[in-house]
Amino acid sequence: MTNPRVESDAYDRGIIPAETAARKEREGEEYKHIPEPAEGESIDTTGGFTVDREGLLNNYAIEPEMYYETPGDARKEEEEDVEHRAEELHDINDNDESGLLTSEHDYRGKGSGII
């Protein structure tokens, strides 16, 4: 067992649930043991494993650290996106629509432009 908190087999001091007894019999020596990481793998997939008092194994997701290969890339891309968006809004909302309304059809844009 890896954690002294889970040494007991039940939450009640005198009663062991049938599911816990069956799991203990079925798993034998592997009961309440967390799997070892596989050799040669670059990512540790066992870091999120936990075992409760009844021997249930849970595997919680471990998110890898996110980073940019070259410092400054994110800031530059964000500034370019802001400039592009401002230019796009200016083009759409300040469009000269003269000649788009005729007696047969209304070719003007609908609504207030892009939101």
PDB file of N, CA and C in Angstrom:
ATOM      1  N   MET A   1       0.845  -1.187   0.000  1.00  0.00           N
ATOM      2  CA  MET A   1       0.000   0.000   0.000  1.00  0.00           C
ATOM      3  C   MET A   1       0.881   1.238   0.000  1.00  0.00           C
ATOM      4  N   THR A   2       0.452   2.245  -0.720  1.00  0.00           N
ATOM      5  CA  THR A   2       1.290   3.410  -0.898  1.00  0.00           C
ATOM      6  C   THR A   2       0.978   4.540   0.077  1.00  0.00           C
ATOM      7  N   ASN A   3      -0.193   4.551   0.641  1.00  0.00           N
ATOM      8  CA  ASN A   3      -0.595   5.648   1.502  1.00  0.00           C
ATOM      9  C   ASN A   3      -1.155   5.091   2.810  1.00  0.00           C
ATOM     10  N   PRO A   4      -0.655   5.551   3.968  1.00  0.00           N
ATOM     11  CA  PRO A   4      -1.164   5.027   5.231  1.00  0.00           C
ATOM     12  C   PRO A   4      -2.645   5.354   5.463  1.00  0.00           C
ATOM     13  N   ARG A   5      -3.161   6.356   4.766  1.00  0.00           N
ATOM     14  CA  ARG A   5      -4.575   6.708   4.879  1.00  0.00           C
ATOM     15  C   ARG A   5      -5.491   5.596   4.401  1.00  0.00           C
ATOM     16  N   VAL A   6      -5.011   4.748   3.502  1.00  0.00           N
ATOM     17  CA  VAL A   6      -5.855   3.720   2.908  1.00  0.00           C
ATOM     18  C   VAL A   6      -5.544   2.324   3.438  1.00  0.00           C
ATOM     19  N   GLU A   7      -4.885   2.233   4.590  1.00  0.00           N
ATOM     20  CA  GLU A   7      -4.577   0.926   5.151  1.00  0.00           C
ATOM     21  C   GLU A   7      -5.838   0.160   5.511  1.00  0.00           C
ATOM     22  N   SER A   8      -6.834   0.846   5.984  1.00  0.00           N
ATOM     23  CA  SER A   8      -8.102   0.207   6.331  1.00  0.00           C
ATOM     24  C   SER A   8      -8.829  -0.184   5.043  1.00  0.00           C
ATOM     25  N   ASP A   9      -9.671  -1.242   5.128  1.00  0.00           N
ATOM     26  CA  ASP A   9     -10.411  -1.700   3.952  1.00  0.00           C
ATOM     27  C   ASP A   9     -11.829  -1.147   3.877  1.00  0.00           C
ATOM     28  N   ALA A  10     -12.230  -0.345   4.852  1.00  0.00           N
ATOM     29  CA  ALA A  10     -13.596   0.168   4.845  1.00  0.00           C
ATOM     30  C   ALA A  10     -13.647   1.499   5.584  1.00  0.00           C
ATOM     31  N   TYR A  11     -14.735   2.207   5.390  1.00  0.00           N
ATOM     32  CA  TYR A  11     -14.937   3.467   6.091  1.00  0.00           C
ATOM     33  C   TYR A  11     -15.524   3.223   7.478  1.00  0.00           C
ATOM     34  N   ASP A  12     -16.183   2.099   7.668  1.00  0.00           N
ATOM     35  CA  ASP A  12     -16.737   1.700   8.961  1.00  0.00           C
ATOM     36  C   ASP A  12     -15.757   0.717   9.602  1.00  0.00           C
ATOM     37  N   ARG A  13     -15.437   0.861  10.888  1.00  0.00           N
ATOM     38  CA  ARG A  13     -14.397   0.041  11.504  1.00  0.00           C
ATOM     39  C   ARG A  13     -14.744  -1.429  11.624  1.00  0.00           C
ATOM     40  N   GLY A  14     -16.019  -1.796  11.568  1.00  0.00           N
ATOM     41  CA  GLY A  14     -16.375  -3.175  11.772  1.00  0.00           C
ATOM     42  C   GLY A  14     -16.971  -3.881  10.569  1.00  0.00           C
ATOM     43  N   ILE A  15     -17.254  -3.165   9.489  1.00  0.00           N
ATOM     44  CA  ILE A  15     -17.934  -3.757   8.341  1.00  0.00           C
ATOM     45  C   ILE A  15     -17.081  -3.561   7.085  1.00  0.00           C
ATOM     46  N   ILE A  16     -16.810  -4.659   6.392  1.00  0.00           N
ATOM     47  CA  ILE A  16     -16.107  -4.591   5.110  1.00  0.00           C
ATOM     48  C   ILE A  16     -17.130  -4.890   4.025  1.00  0.00           C
ATOM     49  N   PRO A  17     -17.363  -3.952   3.099  1.00  0.00           N
ATOM     50  CA  PRO A  17     -18.345  -4.178   2.034  1.00  0.00           C
ATOM     51  C   PRO A  17     -18.000  -5.403   1.185  1.00  0.00           C
ATOM     52  N   ALA A  18     -19.018  -6.076   0.679  1.00  0.00           N
ATOM     53  CA  ALA A  18     -18.821  -7.264  -0.146  1.00  0.00           C
ATOM     54  C   ALA A  18     -18.002  -6.948  -1.398  1.00  0.00           C
ATOM     55  N   GLU A  19     -18.226  -5.771  -1.989  1.00  0.00           N
ATOM     56  CA  GLU A  19     -17.470  -5.401  -3.189  1.00  0.00           C
ATOM     57  C   GLU A  19     -15.979  -5.287  -2.880  1.00  0.00           C
ATOM     58  N   THR A  20     -15.653  -4.761  -1.696  1.00  0.00           N
ATOM     59  CA  THR A  20     -14.257  -4.610  -1.308  1.00  0.00           C
ATOM     60  C   THR A  20     -13.612  -5.966  -1.085  1.00  0.00           C
ATOM     61  N   ALA A  21     -14.322  -6.887  -0.404  1.00  0.00           N
ATOM     62  CA  ALA A  21     -13.793  -8.233  -0.166  1.00  0.00           C
ATOM     63  C   ALA A  21     -13.577  -8.963  -1.491  1.00  0.00           C
ATOM     64  N   ALA A  22     -14.516  -8.826  -2.441  1.00  0.00           N
ATOM     65  CA  ALA A  22     -14.383  -9.470  -3.746  1.00  0.00           C
ATOM     66  C   ALA A  22     -13.217  -8.874  -4.522  1.00  0.00           C
ATOM     67  N   ARG A  23     -13.054  -7.559  -4.477  1.00  0.00           N
ATOM     68  CA  ARG A  23     -11.939  -6.905  -5.171  1.00  0.00           C
ATOM     69  C   ARG A  23     -10.611  -7.365  -4.578  1.00  0.00           C
ATOM     70  N   LYS A  24     -10.547  -7.480  -3.249  1.00  0.00           N
ATOM     71  CA  LYS A  24      -9.326  -7.905  -2.573  1.00  0.00           C
ATOM     72  C   LYS A  24      -8.959  -9.334  -2.988  1.00  0.00           C
ATOM     73  N   GLU A  25      -9.946 -10.199  -3.078  1.00  0.00           N
ATOM     74  CA  GLU A  25      -9.706 -11.585  -3.489  1.00  0.00           C
ATOM     75  C   GLU A  25      -9.294 -11.657  -4.963  1.00  0.00           C
ATOM     76  N   ARG A  26      -9.965 -10.893  -5.814  1.00  0.00           N
ATOM     77  CA  ARG A  26      -9.710 -10.921  -7.253  1.00  0.00           C
ATOM     78  C   ARG A  26      -8.331 -10.351  -7.598  1.00  0.00           C
ATOM     79  N   GLU A  27      -7.944  -9.257  -6.955  1.00  0.00           N
ATOM     80  CA  GLU A  27      -6.702  -8.576  -7.312  1.00  0.00           C
ATOM     81  C   GLU A  27      -5.480  -9.135  -6.593  1.00  0.00           C
ATOM     82  N   GLY A  28      -5.678  -9.824  -5.487  1.00  0.00           N
ATOM     83  CA  GLY A  28      -4.564 -10.446  -4.760  1.00  0.00           C
ATOM     84  C   GLY A  28      -3.527  -9.432  -4.329  1.00  0.00           C
ATOM     85  N   GLU A  29      -2.286  -9.618  -4.759  1.00  0.00           N
ATOM     86  CA  GLU A  29      -1.189  -8.739  -4.336  1.00  0.00           C
ATOM     87  C   GLU A  29      -1.265  -7.353  -4.968  1.00  0.00           C
ATOM     88  N   GLU A  30      -2.004  -7.224  -6.037  1.00  0.00           N
ATOM     89  CA  GLU A  30      -2.148  -5.930  -6.714  1.00  0.00           C
ATOM     90  C   GLU A  30      -3.209  -5.045  -6.056  1.00  0.00           C
ATOM     91  N   TYR A  31      -3.901  -5.550  -5.040  1.00  0.00           N
ATOM     92  CA  TYR A  31      -4.947  -4.799  -4.347  1.00  0.00           C
ATOM     93  C   TYR A  31      -4.349  -3.542  -3.719  1.00  0.00           C
ATOM     94  N   LYS A  32      -4.911  -2.394  -4.027  1.00  0.00           N
ATOM     95  CA  LYS A  32      -4.512  -1.069  -3.529  1.00  0.00           C
ATOM     96  C   LYS A  32      -3.113  -0.643  -3.969  1.00  0.00           C
ATOM     97  N   HIS A  33      -2.607  -1.187  -5.049  1.00  0.00           N
ATOM     98  CA  HIS A  33      -1.315  -0.750  -5.557  1.00  0.00           C
ATOM     99  C   HIS A  33      -1.512   0.058  -6.835  1.00  0.00           C
ATOM    100  N   ILE A  34      -0.786   1.131  -6.934  1.00  0.00           N
ATOM    101  CA  ILE A  34      -0.831   1.997  -8.109  1.00  0.00           C
ATOM    102  C   ILE A  34       0.119   1.422  -9.158  1.00  0.00           C
ATOM    103  N   PRO A  35      -0.296   1.339 -10.420  1.00  0.00           N
ATOM    104  CA  PRO A  35       0.574   0.788 -11.473  1.00  0.00           C
ATOM    105  C   PRO A  35       1.870   1.586 -11.608  1.00  0.00           C
ATOM    106  N   GLU A  36       2.921   0.883 -11.948  1.00  0.00           N
ATOM    107  CA  GLU A  36       4.229   1.509 -12.160  1.00  0.00           C
ATOM    108  C   GLU A  36       4.256   2.149 -13.545  1.00  0.00           C
ATOM    109  N   PRO A  37       4.991   3.245 -13.698  1.00  0.00           N
ATOM    110  CA  PRO A  37       5.100   3.853 -15.033  1.00  0.00           C
ATOM    111  C   PRO A  37       5.814   2.914 -16.002  1.00  0.00           C
ATOM    112  N   ALA A  38       5.369   2.906 -17.246  1.00  0.00           N
ATOM    113  CA  ALA A  38       5.985   2.064 -18.268  1.00  0.00           C
ATOM    114  C   ALA A  38       7.356   2.625 -18.639  1.00  0.00           C
ATOM    115  N   GLU A  39       8.300   1.725 -18.857  1.00  0.00           N
ATOM    116  CA  GLU A  39       9.654   2.164 -19.223  1.00  0.00           C
ATOM    117  C   GLU A  39       9.685   2.650 -20.657  1.00  0.00           C
ATOM    118  N   GLY A  40      10.466   3.672 -20.896  1.00  0.00           N
ATOM    119  CA  GLY A  40      10.645   4.169 -22.251  1.00  0.00           C
ATOM    120  C   GLY A  40       9.595   5.186 -22.688  1.00  0.00           C
ATOM    121  N   GLU A  41       8.591   5.454 -21.873  1.00  0.00           N
ATOM    122  CA  GLU A  41       7.587   6.444 -22.256  1.00  0.00           C
ATOM    123  C   GLU A  41       8.043   7.823 -21.802  1.00  0.00           C
ATOM    124  N   SER A  42       7.826   8.817 -22.642  1.00  0.00           N
ATOM    125  CA  SER A  42       8.283  10.163 -22.320  1.00  0.00           C
ATOM    126  C   SER A  42       7.332  10.885 -21.366  1.00  0.00           C
ATOM    127  N   ILE A  43       6.084  10.431 -21.275  1.00  0.00           N
ATOM    128  CA  ILE A  43       5.098  11.079 -20.408  1.00  0.00           C
ATOM    129  C   ILE A  43       4.713  10.120 -19.290  1.00  0.00           C
ATOM    130  N   ASP A  44       4.723  10.610 -18.041  1.00  0.00           N
ATOM    131  CA  ASP A  44       4.304   9.798 -16.909  1.00  0.00           C
ATOM    132  C   ASP A  44       2.784   9.800 -16.846  1.00  0.00           C
ATOM    133  N   THR A  45       2.173   8.679 -17.209  1.00  0.00           N
ATOM    134  CA  THR A  45       0.715   8.599 -17.218  1.00  0.00           C
ATOM    135  C   THR A  45       0.157   8.103 -15.900  1.00  0.00           C
ATOM    136  N   THR A  46       1.010   7.788 -14.935  1.00  0.00           N
ATOM    137  CA  THR A  46       0.539   7.271 -13.650  1.00  0.00           C
ATOM    138  C   THR A  46       0.520   8.342 -12.571  1.00  0.00           C
ATOM    139  N   GLY A  47       0.857   9.569 -12.884  1.00  0.00           N
ATOM    140  CA  GLY A  47       0.919  10.634 -11.890  1.00  0.00           C
ATOM    141  C   GLY A  47      -0.428  11.002 -11.299  1.00  0.00           C
ATOM    142  N   GLY A  48      -1.517  10.700 -11.973  1.00  0.00           N
ATOM    143  CA  GLY A  48      -2.836  11.077 -11.484  1.00  0.00           C
ATOM    144  C   GLY A  48      -3.589   9.954 -10.789  1.00  0.00           C
ATOM    145  N   PHE A  49      -2.952   8.794 -10.583  1.00  0.00           N
ATOM    146  CA  PHE A  49      -3.630   7.673  -9.941  1.00  0.00           C
ATOM    147  C   PHE A  49      -3.813   7.904  -8.447  1.00  0.00           C
ATOM    148  N   THR A  50      -4.972   7.530  -7.922  1.00  0.00           N
ATOM    149  CA  THR A  50      -5.239   7.526  -6.489  1.00  0.00           C
ATOM    150  C   THR A  50      -5.972   6.231  -6.154  1.00  0.00           C
ATOM    151  N   VAL A  51      -5.862   5.787  -4.892  1.00  0.00           N
ATOM    152  CA  VAL A  51      -6.564   4.599  -4.417  1.00  0.00           C
ATOM    153  C   VAL A  51      -7.310   4.992  -3.154  1.00  0.00           C
ATOM    154  N   ASP A  52      -8.597   4.613  -3.062  1.00  0.00           N
ATOM    155  CA  ASP A  52      -9.352   4.926  -1.849  1.00  0.00           C
ATOM    156  C   ASP A  52      -9.310   3.745  -0.885  1.00  0.00           C
ATOM    157  N   ARG A  53      -9.981   3.870   0.247  1.00  0.00           N
ATOM    158  CA  ARG A  53      -9.957   2.839   1.283  1.00  0.00           C
ATOM    159  C   ARG A  53     -10.527   1.511   0.811  1.00  0.00           C
ATOM    160  N   GLU A  54     -11.451   1.548  -0.134  1.00  0.00           N
ATOM    161  CA  GLU A  54     -12.065   0.313  -0.605  1.00  0.00           C
ATOM    162  C   GLU A  54     -11.320  -0.294  -1.794  1.00  0.00           C
ATOM    163  N   GLY A  55     -10.177   0.267  -2.130  1.00  0.00           N
ATOM    164  CA  GLY A  55      -9.349  -0.292  -3.191  1.00  0.00           C
ATOM    165  C   GLY A  55      -9.702   0.174  -4.585  1.00  0.00           C
ATOM    166  N   LEU A  56     -10.578   1.168  -4.709  1.00  0.00           N
ATOM    167  CA  LEU A  56     -10.943   1.682  -6.032  1.00  0.00           C
ATOM    168  C   LEU A  56      -9.827   2.584  -6.555  1.00  0.00           C
ATOM    169  N   LEU A  57      -9.429   2.331  -7.774  1.00  0.00           N
ATOM    170  CA  LEU A  57      -8.370   3.095  -8.415  1.00  0.00           C
ATOM    171  C   LEU A  57      -8.994   4.181  -9.284  1.00  0.00           C
ATOM    172  N   ASN A  58      -8.569   5.410  -9.099  1.00  0.00           N
ATOM    173  CA  ASN A  58      -9.025   6.534  -9.927  1.00  0.00           C
ATOM    174  C   ASN A  58      -7.828   7.082 -10.671  1.00  0.00           C
ATOM    175  N   ASN A  59      -8.049   7.527 -11.898  1.00  0.00           N
ATOM    176  CA  ASN A  59      -6.989   8.115 -12.699  1.00  0.00           C
ATOM    177  C   ASN A  59      -7.411   9.511 -13.103  1.00  0.00           C
ATOM    178  N   TYR A  60      -6.847  10.518 -12.455  1.00  0.00           N
ATOM    179  CA  TYR A  60      -7.156  11.905 -12.766  1.00  0.00           C
ATOM    180  C   TYR A  60      -6.184  12.428 -13.811  1.00  0.00           C
ATOM    181  N   ALA A  61      -6.678  13.308 -14.643  1.00  0.00           N
ATOM    182  CA  ALA A  61      -5.856  13.846 -15.733  1.00  0.00           C
ATOM    183  C   ALA A  61      -4.751  14.740 -15.187  1.00  0.00           C
ATOM    184  N   ILE A  62      -3.586  14.597 -15.749  1.00  0.00           N
ATOM    185  CA  ILE A  62      -2.452  15.466 -15.443  1.00  0.00           C
ATOM    186  C   ILE A  62      -2.189  16.277 -16.703  1.00  0.00           C
ATOM    187  N   GLU A  63      -2.343  17.581 -16.589  1.00  0.00           N
ATOM    188  CA  GLU A  63      -2.148  18.430 -17.766  1.00  0.00           C
ATOM    189  C   GLU A  63      -0.675  18.780 -17.918  1.00  0.00           C
ATOM    190  N   PRO A  64      -0.134  18.606 -19.103  1.00  0.00           N
ATOM    191  CA  PRO A  64       1.272  18.947 -19.303  1.00  0.00           C
ATOM    192  C   PRO A  64       1.468  20.463 -19.299  1.00  0.00           C
ATOM    193  N   GLU A  65       2.673  20.865 -18.974  1.00  0.00           N
ATOM    194  CA  GLU A  65       3.001  22.283 -18.976  1.00  0.00           C
ATOM    195  C   GLU A  65       2.979  22.800 -20.409  1.00  0.00           C
ATOM    196  N   MET A  66       2.328  23.933 -20.624  1.00  0.00           N
ATOM    197  CA  MET A  66       2.238  24.506 -21.959  1.00  0.00           C
ATOM    198  C   MET A  66       3.247  25.647 -22.072  1.00  0.00           C
ATOM    199  N   TYR A  67       3.932  25.707 -23.193  1.00  0.00           N
ATOM    200  CA  TYR A  67       4.900  26.771 -23.413  1.00  0.00           C
ATOM    201  C   TYR A  67       5.049  27.016 -24.905  1.00  0.00           C
ATOM    202  N   TYR A  68       5.578  28.175 -25.241  1.00  0.00           N
ATOM    203  CA  TYR A  68       5.863  28.518 -26.620  1.00  0.00           C
ATOM    204  C   TYR A  68       7.329  28.241 -26.896  1.00  0.00           C
ATOM    205  N   GLU A  69       7.600  27.791 -28.099  1.00  0.00           N
ATOM    206  CA  GLU A  69       8.963  27.447 -28.449  1.00  0.00           C
ATOM    207  C   GLU A  69       9.861  28.680 -28.447  1.00  0.00           C
ATOM    208  N   THR A  70       9.339  29.797 -28.945  1.00  0.00           N
ATOM    209  CA  THR A  70      10.116  31.022 -29.009  1.00  0.00           C
ATOM    210  C   THR A  70       9.430  32.078 -28.157  1.00  0.00           C
ATOM    211  N   PRO A  71      10.115  32.656 -27.167  1.00  0.00           N
ATOM    212  CA  PRO A  71       9.486  33.698 -26.336  1.00  0.00           C
ATOM    213  C   PRO A  71       9.026  34.870 -27.198  1.00  0.00           C
ATOM    214  N   GLY A  72       7.858  35.396 -26.889  1.00  0.00           N
ATOM    215  CA  GLY A  72       7.337  36.554 -27.604  1.00  0.00           C
ATOM    216  C   GLY A  72       6.354  36.224 -28.703  1.00  0.00           C
ATOM    217  N   ASP A  73       6.260  34.979 -29.103  1.00  0.00           N
ATOM    218  CA  ASP A  73       5.354  34.609 -30.183  1.00  0.00           C
ATOM    219  C   ASP A  73       3.900  34.934 -29.854  1.00  0.00           C
ATOM    220  N   ALA A  74       3.459  34.616 -28.661  1.00  0.00           N
ATOM    221  CA  ALA A  74       2.055  34.812 -28.300  1.00  0.00           C
ATOM    222  C   ALA A  74       1.684  36.297 -28.304  1.00  0.00           C
ATOM    223  N   ARG A  75       2.544  37.136 -27.776  1.00  0.00           N
ATOM    224  CA  ARG A  75       2.250  38.571 -27.712  1.00  0.00           C
ATOM    225  C   ARG A  75       2.172  39.168 -29.118  1.00  0.00           C
ATOM    226  N   LYS A  76       3.087  38.765 -29.980  1.00  0.00           N
ATOM    227  CA  LYS A  76       3.098  39.284 -31.352  1.00  0.00           C
ATOM    228  C   LYS A  76       1.842  38.848 -32.102  1.00  0.00           C
ATOM    229  N   GLU A  77       1.463  37.572 -31.970  1.00  0.00           N
ATOM    230  CA  GLU A  77       0.253  37.080 -32.632  1.00  0.00           C
ATOM    231  C   GLU A  77      -0.992  37.785 -32.123  1.00  0.00           C
ATOM    232  N   GLU A  78      -1.055  38.032 -30.812  1.00  0.00           N
ATOM    233  CA  GLU A  78      -2.213  38.710 -30.232  1.00  0.00           C
ATOM    234  C   GLU A  78      -2.320  40.144 -30.760  1.00  0.00           C
ATOM    235  N   GLU A  79      -1.200  40.848 -30.855  1.00  0.00           N
ATOM    236  CA  GLU A  79      -1.221  42.217 -31.386  1.00  0.00           C
ATOM    237  C   GLU A  79      -1.675  42.224 -32.849  1.00  0.00           C
ATOM    238  N   GLU A  80      -1.200  41.260 -33.645  1.00  0.00           N
ATOM    239  CA  GLU A  80      -1.616  41.174 -35.037  1.00  0.00           C
ATOM    240  C   GLU A  80      -3.105  40.876 -35.153  1.00  0.00           C
ATOM    241  N   ASP A  81      -3.625  39.993 -34.270  1.00  0.00           N
ATOM    242  CA  ASP A  81      -5.055  39.686 -34.275  1.00  0.00           C
ATOM    243  C   ASP A  81      -5.892  40.909 -33.946  1.00  0.00           C
ATOM    244  N   VAL A  82      -5.453  41.714 -32.970  1.00  0.00           N
ATOM    245  CA  VAL A  82      -6.184  42.932 -32.596  1.00  0.00           C
ATOM    246  C   VAL A  82      -6.204  43.915 -33.764  1.00  0.00           C
ATOM    247  N   GLU A  83      -5.062  44.105 -34.423  1.00  0.00           N
ATOM    248  CA  GLU A  83      -4.995  45.013 -35.569  1.00  0.00           C
ATOM    249  C   GLU A  83      -5.886  44.522 -36.712  1.00  0.00           C
ATOM    250  N   HIS A  84      -5.835  43.237 -36.972  1.00  0.00           N
ATOM    251  CA  HIS A  84      -6.642  42.667 -38.045  1.00  0.00           C
ATOM    252  C   HIS A  84      -8.132  42.827 -37.740  1.00  0.00           C
ATOM    253  N   ARG A  85      -8.523  42.587 -36.498  1.00  0.00           N
ATOM    254  CA  ARG A  85      -9.927  42.708 -36.110  1.00  0.00           C
ATOM    255  C   ARG A  85     -10.407  44.154 -36.226  1.00  0.00           C
ATOM    256  N   ALA A  86      -9.598  45.115 -35.797  1.00  0.00           N
ATOM    257  CA  ALA A  86      -9.975  46.522 -35.902  1.00  0.00           C
ATOM    258  C   ALA A  86     -10.144  46.929 -37.362  1.00  0.00           C
ATOM    259  N   GLU A  87      -9.236  46.472 -38.220  1.00  0.00           N
ATOM    260  CA  GLU A  87      -9.321  46.768 -39.649  1.00  0.00           C
ATOM    261  C   GLU A  87     -10.580  46.143 -40.260  1.00  0.00           C
ATOM    262  N   GLU A  88     -10.878  44.904 -39.882  1.00  0.00           N
ATOM    263  CA  GLU A  88     -12.060  44.208 -40.389  1.00  0.00           C
ATOM    264  C   GLU A  88     -13.351  44.924 -39.969  1.00  0.00           C
ATOM    265  N   LEU A  89     -13.421  45.338 -38.705  1.00  0.00           N
ATOM    266  CA  LEU A  89     -14.610  46.058 -38.228  1.00  0.00           C
ATOM    267  C   LEU A  89     -14.772  47.400 -38.939  1.00  0.00           C
ATOM    268  N   HIS A  90     -13.669  48.081 -39.181  1.00  0.00           N
ATOM    269  CA  HIS A  90     -13.736  49.368 -39.883  1.00  0.00           C
ATOM    270  C   HIS A  90     -14.265  49.170 -41.302  1.00  0.00           C
ATOM    271  N   ASP A  91     -13.761  48.148 -41.993  1.00  0.00           N
ATOM    272  CA  ASP A  91     -14.198  47.892 -43.367  1.00  0.00           C
ATOM    273  C   ASP A  91     -15.672  47.533 -43.441  1.00  0.00           C
ATOM    274  N   ILE A  92     -16.147  46.750 -42.495  1.00  0.00           N
ATOM    275  CA  ILE A  92     -17.538  46.283 -42.539  1.00  0.00           C
ATOM    276  C   ILE A  92     -18.519  47.352 -42.087  1.00  0.00           C
ATOM    277  N   ASN A  93     -18.211  48.027 -41.005  1.00  0.00           N
ATOM    278  CA  ASN A  93     -19.173  48.960 -40.423  1.00  0.00           C
ATOM    279  C   ASN A  93     -19.178  50.338 -41.089  1.00  0.00           C
ATOM    280  N   ASP A  94     -18.098  50.729 -41.711  1.00  0.00           N
ATOM    281  CA  ASP A  94     -18.041  52.040 -42.349  1.00  0.00           C
ATOM    282  C   ASP A  94     -18.102  51.912 -43.873  1.00  0.00           C
ATOM    283  N   ASN A  95     -18.814  50.934 -44.335  1.00  0.00           N
ATOM    284  CA  ASN A  95     -18.922  50.661 -45.755  1.00  0.00           C
ATOM    285  C   ASN A  95     -19.900  51.652 -46.404  1.00  0.00           C
ATOM    286  N   ASP A  96     -19.525  52.200 -47.537  1.00  0.00           N
ATOM    287  CA  ASP A  96     -20.420  53.079 -48.286  1.00  0.00           C
ATOM    288  C   ASP A  96     -21.410  52.204 -49.046  1.00  0.00           C
ATOM    289  N   GLU A  97     -22.684  52.292 -48.677  1.00  0.00           N
ATOM    290  CA  GLU A  97     -23.694  51.419 -49.268  1.00  0.00           C
ATOM    291  C   GLU A  97     -24.571  52.134 -50.294  1.00  0.00           C
ATOM    292  N   SER A  98     -24.050  53.235 -50.851  1.00  0.00           N
ATOM    293  CA  SER A  98     -24.854  53.941 -51.843  1.00  0.00           C
ATOM    294  C   SER A  98     -24.964  53.084 -53.099  1.00  0.00           C
ATOM    295  N   GLY A  99     -26.150  53.014 -53.653  1.00  0.00           N
ATOM    296  CA  GLY A  99     -26.396  52.245 -54.863  1.00  0.00           C
ATOM    297  C   GLY A  99     -26.793  50.801 -54.597  1.00  0.00           C
ATOM    298  N   LEU A 100     -26.805  50.367 -53.325  1.00  0.00           N
ATOM    299  CA  LEU A 100     -27.171  48.995 -53.018  1.00  0.00           C
ATOM    300  C   LEU A 100     -28.674  48.823 -52.788  1.00  0.00           C
ATOM    301  N   LEU A 101     -29.375  49.946 -52.632  1.00  0.00           N
ATOM    302  CA  LEU A 101     -30.817  49.877 -52.430  1.00  0.00           C
ATOM    303  C   LEU A 101     -31.505  50.305 -53.723  1.00  0.00           C
ATOM    304  N   THR A 102     -32.198  49.358 -54.321  1.00  0.00           N
ATOM    305  CA  THR A 102     -32.918  49.657 -55.555  1.00  0.00           C
ATOM    306  C   THR A 102     -34.399  49.403 -55.315  1.00  0.00           C
ATOM    307  N   SER A 103     -35.227  49.756 -56.295  1.00  0.00           N
ATOM    308  CA  SER A 103     -36.663  49.525 -56.128  1.00  0.00           C
ATOM    309  C   SER A 103     -37.009  48.038 -56.197  1.00  0.00           C
ATOM    310  N   GLU A 104     -36.141  47.214 -56.772  1.00  0.00           N
ATOM    311  CA  GLU A 104     -36.403  45.780 -56.859  1.00  0.00           C
ATOM    312  C   GLU A 104     -35.820  44.987 -55.680  1.00  0.00           C
ATOM    313  N   HIS A 105     -34.666  45.415 -55.156  1.00  0.00           N
ATOM    314  CA  HIS A 105     -33.999  44.592 -54.130  1.00  0.00           C
ATOM    315  C   HIS A 105     -33.139  45.461 -53.207  1.00  0.00           C
ATOM    316  N   ASP A 106     -32.967  44.993 -51.985  1.00  0.00           N
ATOM    317  CA  ASP A 106     -32.108  45.653 -51.019  1.00  0.00           C
ATOM    318  C   ASP A 106     -30.829  44.811 -50.857  1.00  0.00           C
ATOM    319  N   TYR A 107     -29.709  45.290 -51.399  1.00  0.00           N
ATOM    320  CA  TYR A 107     -28.450  44.560 -51.359  1.00  0.00           C
ATOM    321  C   TYR A 107     -27.555  44.971 -50.185  1.00  0.00           C
ATOM    322  N   ARG A 108     -28.073  45.832 -49.330  1.00  0.00           N
ATOM    323  CA  ARG A 108     -27.279  46.273 -48.188  1.00  0.00           C
ATOM    324  C   ARG A 108     -27.133  45.139 -47.178  1.00  0.00           C
ATOM    325  N   GLY A 109     -26.107  45.234 -46.332  1.00  0.00           N
ATOM    326  CA  GLY A 109     -25.900  44.232 -45.287  1.00  0.00           C
ATOM    327  C   GLY A 109     -27.011  44.244 -44.266  1.00  0.00           C
ATOM    328  N   LYS A 110     -27.202  43.154 -43.591  1.00  0.00           N
ATOM    329  CA  LYS A 110     -28.238  43.037 -42.567  1.00  0.00           C
ATOM    330  C   LYS A 110     -27.636  43.332 -41.205  1.00  0.00           C
ATOM    331  N   GLY A 111     -28.352  44.005 -40.373  1.00  0.00           N
ATOM    332  CA  GLY A 111     -27.899  44.268 -39.003  1.00  0.00           C
ATOM    333  C   GLY A 111     -26.865  45.360 -38.931  1.00  0.00           C
ATOM    334  N   SER A 112     -26.127  45.348 -37.838  1.00  0.00           N
ATOM    335  CA  SER A 112     -25.168  46.410 -37.560  1.00  0.00           C
ATOM    336  C   SER A 112     -23.748  46.044 -37.960  1.00  0.00           C
ATOM    337  N   GLY A 113     -23.556  44.976 -38.705  1.00  0.00           N
ATOM    338  CA  GLY A 113     -22.230  44.552 -39.096  1.00  0.00           C
ATOM    339  C   GLY A 113     -21.761  43.411 -38.224  1.00  0.00           C
ATOM    340  N   ILE A 114     -20.479  43.141 -38.211  1.00  0.00           N
ATOM    341  CA  ILE A 114     -19.930  42.063 -37.406  1.00  0.00           C
ATOM    342  C   ILE A 114     -19.818  42.522 -35.967  1.00  0.00           C
ATOM    343  N   ILE A 115     -20.217  41.670 -35.082  1.00  0.00           N
ATOM    344  CA  ILE A 115     -20.149  41.998 -33.644  1.00  0.00           C
ATOM    345  C   ILE A 115     -18.995  41.265 -33.053  1.00  0.00           C
TER     346      ILE A 115
END
